[in-house]
Amino acid sequence: MSDTQQRIDSLVKQNDIVLFMKGSASFPMCGFSGRAIQILKACGVDTKALKTVNVLEDEGIRQGIKEYSNWPTIPQLYVKGEFIGGSDIMMEMYESGELQQALSTQAS
């Protein structure tokens, strides 16, 4: 495992909720990342408790996260070490109530 993959692995495993995104929770740099933050807020996630990783600040992470998850797009959400998906999957899961369930132990 490369250094970048190890850094990503540590971030995913050491934080209950991690969002790899473009920008930050307070200043998303693309529409999909902004939508991901809005979905998490709608689920009751405190954005201060959320670990976000700005992939625009580190090209290694930006490419490495796609390899780590075998998922081609950003943002990417992880909950308790498990890859959830990007903003489209987050929206589908939010609408069905699955995302709230996945996050429920964190939001309470």
N, C-alpha and C. Protein backbone atom coordinates (compact mmCIF):
# COMPACT_ATOMS: atom_id res chain seq x y z
N MET A 1 0.86 -1.19 0.00
CA MET A 1 0.00 0.00 0.00
C MET A 1 0.89 1.24 0.00
N SER A 2 0.62 2.17 -0.90
CA SER A 2 1.43 3.39 -1.00
C SER A 2 1.17 4.30 0.21
N ASP A 3 2.06 5.30 0.38
CA ASP A 3 1.89 6.27 1.47
C ASP A 3 0.54 6.96 1.38
N THR A 4 0.16 7.35 0.16
CA THR A 4 -1.13 8.02 -0.04
C THR A 4 -2.27 7.11 0.35
N GLN A 5 -2.23 5.86 -0.07
CA GLN A 5 -3.28 4.90 0.28
C GLN A 5 -3.35 4.70 1.79
N GLN A 6 -2.19 4.68 2.45
CA GLN A 6 -2.16 4.53 3.91
C GLN A 6 -2.77 5.75 4.58
N ARG A 7 -2.48 6.97 4.06
CA ARG A 7 -3.08 8.19 4.62
C ARG A 7 -4.60 8.16 4.49
N ILE A 8 -5.08 7.76 3.30
CA ILE A 8 -6.52 7.67 3.07
C ILE A 8 -7.14 6.64 4.01
N ASP A 9 -6.51 5.49 4.12
CA ASP A 9 -6.99 4.41 4.98
C ASP A 9 -7.10 4.88 6.43
N SER A 10 -6.09 5.62 6.89
CA SER A 10 -6.12 6.15 8.26
C SER A 10 -7.26 7.14 8.45
N LEU A 11 -7.44 8.04 7.49
CA LEU A 11 -8.53 9.02 7.58
C LEU A 11 -9.89 8.32 7.66
N VAL A 12 -10.08 7.32 6.82
CA VAL A 12 -11.35 6.60 6.76
C VAL A 12 -11.60 5.83 8.06
N LYS A 13 -10.56 5.23 8.61
CA LYS A 13 -10.73 4.37 9.79
C LYS A 13 -10.72 5.15 11.11
N GLN A 14 -10.11 6.33 11.13
CA GLN A 14 -10.00 7.08 12.39
C GLN A 14 -11.13 8.09 12.60
N ASN A 15 -11.97 8.27 11.60
CA ASN A 15 -13.08 9.22 11.71
C ASN A 15 -14.39 8.49 11.40
N ASP A 16 -15.42 8.77 12.21
CA ASP A 16 -16.70 8.09 12.00
C ASP A 16 -17.35 8.49 10.68
N ILE A 17 -17.26 9.78 10.34
CA ILE A 17 -17.84 10.26 9.09
C ILE A 17 -16.79 11.08 8.36
N VAL A 18 -16.45 10.66 7.14
CA VAL A 18 -15.45 11.37 6.33
C VAL A 18 -16.05 11.64 4.95
N LEU A 19 -15.90 12.89 4.51
CA LEU A 19 -16.33 13.26 3.17
C LEU A 19 -15.13 13.79 2.40
N PHE A 20 -14.71 13.05 1.38
CA PHE A 20 -13.69 13.53 0.47
C PHE A 20 -14.41 14.39 -0.55
N MET A 21 -14.04 15.67 -0.63
CA MET A 21 -14.81 16.61 -1.44
C MET A 21 -13.92 17.67 -2.04
N LYS A 22 -14.50 18.48 -2.91
CA LYS A 22 -13.80 19.64 -3.46
C LYS A 22 -14.22 20.83 -2.61
N GLY A 23 -13.24 21.40 -1.89
CA GLY A 23 -13.53 22.50 -0.98
C GLY A 23 -13.71 22.01 0.44
N SER A 24 -14.47 22.79 1.21
CA SER A 24 -14.71 22.45 2.62
C SER A 24 -16.20 22.51 2.90
N ALA A 25 -16.58 22.08 4.10
CA ALA A 25 -18.00 22.09 4.46
C ALA A 25 -18.57 23.50 4.40
N SER A 26 -17.77 24.49 4.81
CA SER A 26 -18.26 25.87 4.79
C SER A 26 -18.11 26.54 3.43
N PHE A 27 -17.27 25.96 2.55
CA PHE A 27 -17.08 26.55 1.23
C PHE A 27 -16.85 25.46 0.17
N PRO A 28 -17.91 24.74 -0.19
CA PRO A 28 -17.77 23.71 -1.22
C PRO A 28 -17.36 24.34 -2.55
N MET A 29 -16.51 23.64 -3.31
CA MET A 29 -15.98 24.18 -4.55
C MET A 29 -16.62 23.55 -5.79
N CYS A 30 -17.64 22.72 -5.61
CA CYS A 30 -18.40 22.21 -6.76
C CYS A 30 -19.81 21.87 -6.29
N GLY A 31 -20.72 21.81 -7.23
CA GLY A 31 -22.12 21.57 -6.89
C GLY A 31 -22.37 20.24 -6.21
N PHE A 32 -21.67 19.21 -6.65
CA PHE A 32 -21.87 17.88 -6.06
C PHE A 32 -21.39 17.85 -4.61
N SER A 33 -20.26 18.50 -4.35
CA SER A 33 -19.76 18.56 -2.96
C SER A 33 -20.72 19.38 -2.09
N GLY A 34 -21.24 20.46 -2.65
CA GLY A 34 -22.20 21.28 -1.91
C GLY A 34 -23.46 20.49 -1.59
N ARG A 35 -23.92 19.70 -2.56
CA ARG A 35 -25.12 18.90 -2.35
C ARG A 35 -24.86 17.84 -1.27
N ALA A 36 -23.67 17.24 -1.29
CA ALA A 36 -23.33 16.23 -0.28
C ALA A 36 -23.39 16.83 1.13
N ILE A 37 -22.87 18.04 1.29
CA ILE A 37 -22.90 18.72 2.59
C ILE A 37 -24.35 19.00 3.00
N GLN A 38 -25.17 19.47 2.07
CA GLN A 38 -26.58 19.76 2.38
C GLN A 38 -27.33 18.49 2.80
N ILE A 39 -27.04 17.39 2.14
CA ILE A 39 -27.68 16.12 2.50
C ILE A 39 -27.29 15.71 3.92
N LEU A 40 -25.99 15.83 4.24
CA LEU A 40 -25.54 15.48 5.59
C LEU A 40 -26.18 16.38 6.63
N LYS A 41 -26.27 17.68 6.34
CA LYS A 41 -26.94 18.61 7.27
C LYS A 41 -28.40 18.22 7.47
N ALA A 42 -29.07 17.83 6.37
CA ALA A 42 -30.47 17.43 6.45
C ALA A 42 -30.63 16.17 7.31
N CYS A 43 -29.60 15.37 7.40
CA CYS A 43 -29.61 14.16 8.23
C CYS A 43 -29.26 14.46 9.68
N GLY A 44 -28.96 15.73 9.97
CA GLY A 44 -28.64 16.11 11.34
C GLY A 44 -27.18 16.02 11.71
N VAL A 45 -26.31 15.87 10.72
CA VAL A 45 -24.88 15.79 10.99
C VAL A 45 -24.35 17.20 11.24
N ASP A 46 -23.66 17.38 12.35
CA ASP A 46 -23.01 18.65 12.66
C ASP A 46 -21.76 18.75 11.80
N THR A 47 -21.70 19.75 10.93
CA THR A 47 -20.56 19.84 10.01
C THR A 47 -19.25 20.08 10.75
N LYS A 48 -19.31 20.53 12.00
CA LYS A 48 -18.07 20.69 12.79
C LYS A 48 -17.53 19.32 13.21
N ALA A 49 -18.43 18.35 13.36
CA ALA A 49 -18.02 17.00 13.76
C ALA A 49 -17.64 16.15 12.56
N LEU A 50 -17.93 16.66 11.38
CA LEU A 50 -17.67 15.94 10.14
C LEU A 50 -16.22 16.17 9.71
N LYS A 51 -15.53 15.11 9.34
CA LYS A 51 -14.18 15.23 8.80
C LYS A 51 -14.30 15.38 7.29
N THR A 52 -13.85 16.53 6.77
CA THR A 52 -13.84 16.71 5.32
C THR A 52 -12.39 16.77 4.86
N VAL A 53 -12.16 16.26 3.68
CA VAL A 53 -10.83 16.27 3.08
C VAL A 53 -10.96 16.97 1.73
N ASN A 54 -10.29 18.11 1.59
CA ASN A 54 -10.34 18.88 0.35
C ASN A 54 -9.35 18.27 -0.64
N VAL A 55 -9.88 17.56 -1.64
CA VAL A 55 -9.01 16.88 -2.60
C VAL A 55 -8.28 17.86 -3.52
N LEU A 56 -8.75 19.10 -3.57
CA LEU A 56 -8.09 20.10 -4.42
C LEU A 56 -6.74 20.53 -3.84
N GLU A 57 -6.53 20.28 -2.55
CA GLU A 57 -5.28 20.66 -1.90
C GLU A 57 -4.19 19.61 -2.03
N ASP A 58 -4.54 18.42 -2.49
CA ASP A 58 -3.57 17.33 -2.56
C ASP A 58 -3.89 16.42 -3.74
N GLU A 59 -3.12 16.55 -4.80
CA GLU A 59 -3.36 15.77 -6.01
C GLU A 59 -3.24 14.28 -5.74
N GLY A 60 -2.34 13.89 -4.84
CA GLY A 60 -2.18 12.49 -4.49
C GLY A 60 -3.46 11.91 -3.90
N ILE A 61 -4.07 12.65 -2.99
CA ILE A 61 -5.34 12.23 -2.38
C ILE A 61 -6.45 12.24 -3.44
N ARG A 62 -6.44 13.27 -4.29
CA ARG A 62 -7.49 13.40 -5.31
C ARG A 62 -7.53 12.17 -6.22
N GLN A 63 -6.36 11.69 -6.63
CA GLN A 63 -6.31 10.49 -7.47
C GLN A 63 -6.40 9.22 -6.63
N GLY A 64 -5.74 9.26 -5.47
CA GLY A 64 -5.67 8.07 -4.62
C GLY A 64 -7.01 7.61 -4.09
N ILE A 65 -7.91 8.56 -3.79
CA ILE A 65 -9.21 8.17 -3.24
C ILE A 65 -10.03 7.42 -4.28
N LYS A 66 -9.82 7.75 -5.55
CA LYS A 66 -10.55 7.04 -6.63
C LYS A 66 -10.08 5.60 -6.72
N GLU A 67 -8.80 5.38 -6.49
CA GLU A 67 -8.25 4.02 -6.49
C GLU A 67 -8.68 3.27 -5.22
N TYR A 68 -8.63 3.98 -4.10
CA TYR A 68 -8.96 3.38 -2.81
C TYR A 68 -10.36 2.79 -2.81
N SER A 69 -11.31 3.55 -3.35
CA SER A 69 -12.71 3.13 -3.34
C SER A 69 -13.13 2.41 -4.62
N ASN A 70 -12.26 2.49 -5.64
CA ASN A 70 -12.62 1.99 -6.96
C ASN A 70 -13.88 2.70 -7.46
N TRP A 71 -13.93 4.01 -7.21
CA TRP A 71 -15.08 4.86 -7.58
C TRP A 71 -14.51 6.09 -8.27
N PRO A 72 -14.99 6.44 -9.47
CA PRO A 72 -14.31 7.45 -10.28
C PRO A 72 -14.58 8.91 -9.94
N THR A 73 -15.58 9.18 -9.10
CA THR A 73 -15.95 10.58 -8.89
C THR A 73 -15.80 11.03 -7.44
N ILE A 74 -15.80 12.34 -7.28
CA ILE A 74 -15.74 13.00 -5.97
C ILE A 74 -16.95 13.91 -5.92
N PRO A 75 -17.67 13.99 -4.81
CA PRO A 75 -17.32 13.58 -3.45
C PRO A 75 -17.53 12.08 -3.19
N GLN A 76 -16.92 11.65 -2.09
CA GLN A 76 -17.07 10.28 -1.61
C GLN A 76 -17.29 10.33 -0.10
N LEU A 77 -18.33 9.64 0.33
CA LEU A 77 -18.67 9.59 1.75
C LEU A 77 -18.33 8.23 2.35
N TYR A 78 -17.71 8.27 3.52
CA TYR A 78 -17.43 7.06 4.29
C TYR A 78 -18.06 7.22 5.67
N VAL A 79 -18.72 6.18 6.14
CA VAL A 79 -19.30 6.17 7.48
C VAL A 79 -18.78 4.93 8.19
N LYS A 80 -18.09 5.16 9.30
CA LYS A 80 -17.50 4.08 10.09
C LYS A 80 -16.65 3.15 9.24
N GLY A 81 -15.84 3.73 8.36
CA GLY A 81 -14.92 2.95 7.55
C GLY A 81 -15.53 2.34 6.31
N GLU A 82 -16.83 2.50 6.12
CA GLU A 82 -17.52 1.89 4.98
C GLU A 82 -17.81 2.94 3.91
N PHE A 83 -17.47 2.62 2.68
CA PHE A 83 -17.75 3.51 1.55
C PHE A 83 -19.24 3.53 1.28
N ILE A 84 -19.82 4.72 1.30
CA ILE A 84 -21.26 4.88 1.05
C ILE A 84 -21.50 5.20 -0.42
N GLY A 85 -20.79 6.21 -0.95
CA GLY A 85 -20.96 6.59 -2.35
C GLY A 85 -20.80 8.09 -2.54
N GLY A 86 -21.19 8.54 -3.72
CA GLY A 86 -21.12 9.95 -4.07
C GLY A 86 -22.45 10.64 -3.80
N SER A 87 -22.58 11.88 -4.30
CA SER A 87 -23.76 12.67 -3.97
C SER A 87 -25.05 12.07 -4.51
N ASP A 88 -25.02 11.42 -5.68
CA ASP A 88 -26.24 10.81 -6.23
C ASP A 88 -26.72 9.67 -5.34
N ILE A 89 -25.79 8.82 -4.93
CA ILE A 89 -26.15 7.70 -4.04
C ILE A 89 -26.59 8.22 -2.68
N MET A 90 -25.91 9.27 -2.19
CA MET A 90 -26.31 9.88 -0.92
C MET A 90 -27.75 10.37 -1.00
N MET A 91 -28.11 11.01 -2.12
CA MET A 91 -29.47 11.53 -2.29
C MET A 91 -30.49 10.39 -2.32
N GLU A 92 -30.19 9.34 -3.07
CA GLU A 92 -31.09 8.19 -3.11
C GLU A 92 -31.27 7.58 -1.72
N MET A 93 -30.17 7.43 -1.01
CA MET A 93 -30.23 6.85 0.33
C MET A 93 -30.96 7.77 1.30
N TYR A 94 -30.79 9.09 1.14
CA TYR A 94 -31.48 10.05 1.98
C TYR A 94 -32.99 9.95 1.75
N GLU A 95 -33.39 9.90 0.48
CA GLU A 95 -34.82 9.84 0.15
C GLU A 95 -35.47 8.56 0.64
N SER A 96 -34.72 7.46 0.71
CA SER A 96 -35.28 6.20 1.18
C SER A 96 -35.14 6.02 2.70
N GLY A 97 -34.38 6.90 3.34
CA GLY A 97 -34.17 6.80 4.79
C GLY A 97 -32.95 5.97 5.17
N GLU A 98 -32.30 5.36 4.19
CA GLU A 98 -31.13 4.51 4.49
C GLU A 98 -29.96 5.32 5.03
N LEU A 99 -29.76 6.52 4.49
CA LEU A 99 -28.61 7.32 4.93
C LEU A 99 -28.78 7.75 6.38
N GLN A 100 -29.99 8.14 6.75
CA GLN A 100 -30.24 8.52 8.14
C GLN A 100 -29.95 7.34 9.07
N GLN A 101 -30.30 6.13 8.64
CA GLN A 101 -30.01 4.94 9.45
C GLN A 101 -28.51 4.72 9.58
N ALA A 102 -27.79 4.87 8.47
CA ALA A 102 -26.34 4.67 8.49
C ALA A 102 -25.66 5.69 9.40
N LEU A 103 -26.22 6.89 9.44
CA LEU A 103 -25.64 7.98 10.24
C LEU A 103 -26.24 8.06 11.64
N SER A 104 -27.28 7.30 11.93
CA SER A 104 -28.09 7.51 13.13
C SER A 104 -27.30 7.52 14.42
N THR A 105 -26.31 6.68 14.55
CA THR A 105 -25.56 6.66 15.81
C THR A 105 -24.70 7.91 15.95
N GLN A 106 -24.40 8.58 14.83
CA GLN A 106 -23.61 9.79 14.88
C GLN A 106 -24.47 11.04 15.12
N ALA A 107 -25.67 11.04 14.58
CA ALA A 107 -26.51 12.23 14.63
C ALA A 107 -27.20 12.40 15.99
N SER A 108 -27.25 11.35 16.78
CA SER A 108 -27.97 11.44 18.06
C SER A 108 -27.11 12.00 19.16
